[in-house]
Amino acid sequence: MKKFLPLLVLSLVVFMTSCTREYICQCTIKYSGTPPGLPDTSVVEFMIKDKKTEAAKQCEANSTSVTADNVTMDEKCRLY
């Protein structure tokens, strides 16, 4: 029993920490429209520390598309 307990504790620690990881959320921001001088496409990255499914939901929630004054800003985010 004394040999089994440390192995059990170590297994639980590894299992509990393996679920939560740091993921990179990468967002590509693209502008389109008729006015000249629109900014170039840019990429923004930030870290999310969570379970993979929750991190993906948080990352994709940042995706937006906004149109104002004939300019469309399209932001698409995905998890890496």
C-alpha atoms as a PDB file:
ATOM      1  CA  MET A   1       0.000   0.000   0.000  1.00  0.00           C
ATOM      2  CA  LYS A   2       2.859   2.399   0.779  1.00  0.00           C
ATOM      3  CA  LYS A   3       4.231   1.973  -2.765  1.00  0.00           C
ATOM      4  CA  PHE A   4       0.831   2.420  -4.339  1.00  0.00           C
ATOM      5  CA  LEU A   5      -0.070   5.724  -2.645  1.00  0.00           C
ATOM      6  CA  PRO A   6       2.778   7.862  -4.112  1.00  0.00           C
ATOM      7  CA  LEU A   7       2.063   6.427  -7.554  1.00  0.00           C
ATOM      8  CA  LEU A   8      -1.612   7.295  -7.184  1.00  0.00           C
ATOM      9  CA  VAL A   9      -0.831  10.851  -6.044  1.00  0.00           C
ATOM     10  CA  LEU A  10       1.622  11.368  -8.909  1.00  0.00           C
ATOM     11  CA  SER A  11      -0.948  10.057 -11.406  1.00  0.00           C
ATOM     12  CA  LEU A  12      -3.597  12.437 -10.118  1.00  0.00           C
ATOM     13  CA  VAL A  13      -1.245  15.423 -10.299  1.00  0.00           C
ATOM     14  CA  VAL A  14      -0.272  14.622 -13.893  1.00  0.00           C
ATOM     15  CA  PHE A  15      -3.890  14.039 -14.882  1.00  0.00           C
ATOM     16  CA  MET A  16      -5.154  17.261 -13.286  1.00  0.00           C
ATOM     17  CA  THR A  17      -2.472  19.479 -14.860  1.00  0.00           C
ATOM     18  CA  SER A  18      -2.687  17.916 -18.309  1.00  0.00           C
ATOM     19  CA  CYS A  19      -6.246  19.172 -18.885  1.00  0.00           C
ATOM     20  CA  THR A  20      -5.397  22.856 -18.585  1.00  0.00           C
ATOM     21  CA  ARG A  21      -2.803  24.188 -21.013  1.00  0.00           C
ATOM     22  CA  GLU A  22      -1.810  27.420 -22.662  1.00  0.00           C
ATOM     23  CA  TYR A  23      -3.054  27.854 -26.205  1.00  0.00           C
ATOM     24  CA  ILE A  24      -2.373  30.589 -28.725  1.00  0.00           C
ATOM     25  CA  CYS A  25      -5.352  32.369 -30.216  1.00  0.00           C
ATOM     26  CA  GLN A  26      -4.468  33.983 -33.525  1.00  0.00           C
ATOM     27  CA  CYS A  27      -6.748  36.635 -34.999  1.00  0.00           C
ATOM     28  CA  THR A  28      -6.384  37.859 -38.577  1.00  0.00           C
ATOM     29  CA  ILE A  29      -7.785  41.369 -39.101  1.00  0.00           C
ATOM     30  CA  LYS A  30      -8.595  42.350 -42.686  1.00  0.00           C
ATOM     31  CA  TYR A  31     -10.021  45.621 -43.944  1.00  0.00           C
ATOM     32  CA  SER A  32     -11.913  46.016 -47.204  1.00  0.00           C
ATOM     33  CA  GLY A  33     -13.940  48.747 -48.842  1.00  0.00           C
ATOM     34  CA  THR A  34     -13.836  51.591 -51.346  1.00  0.00           C
ATOM     35  CA  PRO A  35     -11.878  54.311 -49.485  1.00  0.00           C
ATOM     36  CA  PRO A  36      -8.153  54.394 -50.301  1.00  0.00           C
ATOM     37  CA  GLY A  37      -5.509  53.982 -47.621  1.00  0.00           C
ATOM     38  CA  LEU A  38      -7.031  51.149 -45.638  1.00  0.00           C
ATOM     39  CA  PRO A  39      -4.653  49.394 -43.225  1.00  0.00           C
ATOM     40  CA  ASP A  40      -2.937  46.188 -44.323  1.00  0.00           C
ATOM     41  CA  THR A  41      -4.056  42.833 -43.006  1.00  0.00           C
ATOM     42  CA  SER A  42      -2.634  42.266 -39.540  1.00  0.00           C
ATOM     43  CA  VAL A  43      -2.313  39.318 -37.189  1.00  0.00           C
ATOM     44  CA  VAL A  44      -2.753  39.498 -33.410  1.00  0.00           C
ATOM     45  CA  GLU A  45      -1.925  36.645 -31.051  1.00  0.00           C
ATOM     46  CA  PHE A  46      -2.727  36.150 -27.378  1.00  0.00           C
ATOM     47  CA  MET A  47      -2.556  33.327 -24.877  1.00  0.00           C
ATOM     48  CA  ILE A  48      -5.528  31.490 -23.388  1.00  0.00           C
ATOM     49  CA  LYS A  49      -5.017  29.109 -20.478  1.00  0.00           C
ATOM     50  CA  ASP A  50      -7.886  26.651 -20.266  1.00  0.00           C
ATOM     51  CA  LYS A  51      -9.061  23.272 -21.488  1.00  0.00           C
ATOM     52  CA  LYS A  52      -8.844  22.920 -25.268  1.00  0.00           C
ATOM     53  CA  THR A  53     -12.584  23.042 -25.934  1.00  0.00           C
ATOM     54  CA  GLU A  54     -13.106  26.072 -23.691  1.00  0.00           C
ATOM     55  CA  ALA A  55     -10.058  27.835 -25.127  1.00  0.00           C
ATOM     56  CA  ALA A  56     -11.389  27.289 -28.648  1.00  0.00           C
ATOM     57  CA  LYS A  57     -14.770  28.760 -27.669  1.00  0.00           C
ATOM     58  CA  GLN A  58     -13.127  31.806 -26.078  1.00  0.00           C
ATOM     59  CA  CYS A  59     -10.884  32.348 -29.064  1.00  0.00           C
ATOM     60  CA  GLU A  60     -13.613  32.019 -31.703  1.00  0.00           C
ATOM     61  CA  ALA A  61     -15.849  34.358 -29.685  1.00  0.00           C
ATOM     62  CA  ASN A  62     -13.441  37.166 -30.638  1.00  0.00           C
ATOM     63  CA  SER A  63     -14.289  36.787 -34.344  1.00  0.00           C
ATOM     64  CA  THR A  64     -16.296  39.766 -35.594  1.00  0.00           C
ATOM     65  CA  SER A  65     -17.249  41.604 -38.741  1.00  0.00           C
ATOM     66  CA  VAL A  66     -18.151  45.300 -38.668  1.00  0.00           C
ATOM     67  CA  THR A  67     -19.131  47.597 -41.547  1.00  0.00           C
ATOM     68  CA  ALA A  68     -19.146  51.385 -41.234  1.00  0.00           C
ATOM     69  CA  ASP A  69     -18.704  54.152 -43.843  1.00  0.00           C
ATOM     70  CA  ASN A  70     -18.114  51.631 -46.679  1.00  0.00           C
ATOM     71  CA  VAL A  71     -15.278  49.984 -44.754  1.00  0.00           C
ATOM     72  CA  THR A  72     -15.573  46.398 -43.544  1.00  0.00           C
ATOM     73  CA  MET A  73     -13.350  45.124 -40.765  1.00  0.00           C
ATOM     74  CA  ASP A  74     -13.333  41.332 -40.667  1.00  0.00           C
ATOM     75  CA  GLU A  75     -11.618  39.617 -37.705  1.00  0.00           C
ATOM     76  CA  LYS A  76     -11.344  35.819 -37.749  1.00  0.00           C
ATOM     77  CA  CYS A  77      -9.831  34.049 -34.768  1.00  0.00           C
ATOM     78  CA  ARG A  78      -8.726  30.439 -34.420  1.00  0.00           C
ATOM     79  CA  LEU A  79      -6.842  28.401 -31.881  1.00  0.00           C
ATOM     80  CA  TYR A  80      -3.295  27.133 -32.403  1.00  0.00           C
END
